[in-house]
Amino acid sequence: MRRWQWKLRFQRDTNYYFGLFLLVVASASLIWAIWKDAFEPKDFLVYFLIYGWGYILLLKSDTEYRCKRLEKRMTEVLARLETLETSMKRGEA
């Protein structure tokens, strides 16, 4: 019998996953409060702050991740362009 294994590859930093965790916890606690009729308007501020914190962490992490990918790709393109220019100069001489 073959064991089933998780094949998870974490490509993002910890802020991304912590932000996701905060959003899930805030959503679950808000749903629980509404379901159990334990929701009080003053508690909404706490839910809102947790949502905001999670969203900001996700946005920050995602922006950094995309910028790193863009920087890596631009470096590759510039290296290929430089190689092309060098080979064209050799062909002209």
Protein backbone atom coordinates (compact mmCIF):
# COMPACT_ATOMS: atom_id res chain seq x y z
CA MET A 1 0.00 0.00 0.00
CA ARG A 2 1.33 3.39 -1.00
CA ARG A 3 1.24 6.26 1.45
CA TRP A 4 -0.26 9.49 0.29
CA GLN A 5 2.12 12.43 0.78
CA TRP A 6 1.59 16.14 0.69
CA LYS A 7 3.62 17.88 -1.95
CA LEU A 8 3.58 21.43 -0.69
CA ARG A 9 6.11 23.94 -1.89
CA PHE A 10 6.11 27.17 0.03
CA GLN A 11 7.29 29.88 -2.35
CA ARG A 12 6.19 32.92 -0.41
CA ASP A 13 7.56 34.45 2.76
CA THR A 14 6.02 33.95 6.18
CA ASN A 15 4.11 37.25 6.04
CA TYR A 16 2.00 35.87 3.20
CA TYR A 17 0.96 32.75 5.08
CA PHE A 18 0.46 34.63 8.35
CA GLY A 19 -1.78 37.10 6.51
CA LEU A 20 -3.80 34.22 5.07
CA PHE A 21 -4.06 32.72 8.55
CA LEU A 22 -5.33 36.02 9.97
CA LEU A 23 -7.96 36.33 7.26
CA VAL A 24 -9.17 32.78 7.87
CA VAL A 25 -9.27 33.27 11.65
CA ALA A 26 -11.10 36.58 11.34
CA SER A 27 -13.62 35.07 8.91
CA ALA A 28 -14.21 32.01 11.08
CA SER A 29 -14.62 34.05 14.25
CA LEU A 30 -17.00 36.47 12.54
CA ILE A 31 -19.11 33.61 11.18
CA TRP A 32 -19.08 31.94 14.61
CA ALA A 33 -20.18 35.18 16.31
CA ILE A 34 -23.04 35.67 13.88
CA TRP A 35 -24.06 31.99 14.08
CA LYS A 36 -24.11 31.92 17.89
CA ASP A 37 -25.79 35.31 18.05
CA ALA A 38 -22.82 36.59 20.05
CA PHE A 39 -21.98 39.45 17.72
CA GLU A 40 -21.74 42.84 19.33
CA PRO A 41 -21.09 45.99 17.32
CA LYS A 42 -18.10 46.98 19.47
CA ASP A 43 -16.44 43.67 18.52
CA PHE A 44 -16.64 44.65 14.88
CA LEU A 45 -13.58 46.88 15.36
CA VAL A 46 -11.51 43.87 16.42
CA TYR A 47 -12.66 41.84 13.40
CA PHE A 48 -11.97 44.80 11.12
CA LEU A 49 -8.45 45.28 12.52
CA ILE A 50 -7.62 41.59 12.12
CA TYR A 51 -8.94 41.63 8.54
CA GLY A 52 -6.95 44.79 7.82
CA TRP A 53 -3.76 43.38 9.30
CA GLY A 54 -4.10 40.16 7.30
CA TYR A 55 -4.90 42.01 4.09
CA ILE A 56 -1.94 44.38 4.48
CA LEU A 57 0.43 41.45 5.11
CA LEU A 58 -0.89 39.69 2.00
CA LEU A 59 -0.62 42.82 -0.13
CA LYS A 60 2.91 43.61 1.08
CA SER A 61 4.15 40.07 0.57
CA ASP A 62 2.54 39.70 -2.84
CA THR A 63 3.98 43.01 -4.04
CA GLU A 64 7.48 42.02 -2.90
CA TYR A 65 7.13 38.59 -4.54
CA ARG A 66 6.02 40.08 -7.85
CA CYS A 67 8.81 42.68 -7.79
CA LYS A 68 11.42 39.98 -7.19
CA ARG A 69 10.04 37.93 -10.09
CA LEU A 70 10.02 41.00 -12.33
CA GLU A 71 13.57 41.93 -11.34
CA LYS A 72 14.79 38.39 -12.06
CA ARG A 73 13.08 38.35 -15.45
CA MET A 74 14.43 41.80 -16.37
CA THR A 75 17.96 40.68 -15.46
CA GLU A 76 17.58 37.65 -17.76
CA VAL A 77 16.25 39.80 -20.62
CA LEU A 78 19.03 42.36 -20.23
CA ALA A 79 21.67 39.61 -20.21
CA ARG A 80 20.22 38.13 -23.41
CA LEU A 81 20.10 41.60 -25.00
CA GLU A 82 23.71 42.24 -24.07
CA THR A 83 24.72 38.90 -25.60
CA LEU A 84 22.82 39.76 -28.78
CA GLU A 85 24.49 43.18 -29.00
CA THR A 86 27.92 41.65 -28.51
CA SER A 87 27.34 39.06 -31.24
CA MET A 88 26.06 41.76 -33.62
CA LYS A 89 29.13 43.94 -33.02
CA ARG A 90 31.40 40.99 -33.76
CA GLY A 91 29.50 40.34 -37.01
CA GLU A 92 29.94 43.96 -38.16
CA ALA A 93 33.68 44.07 -37.54
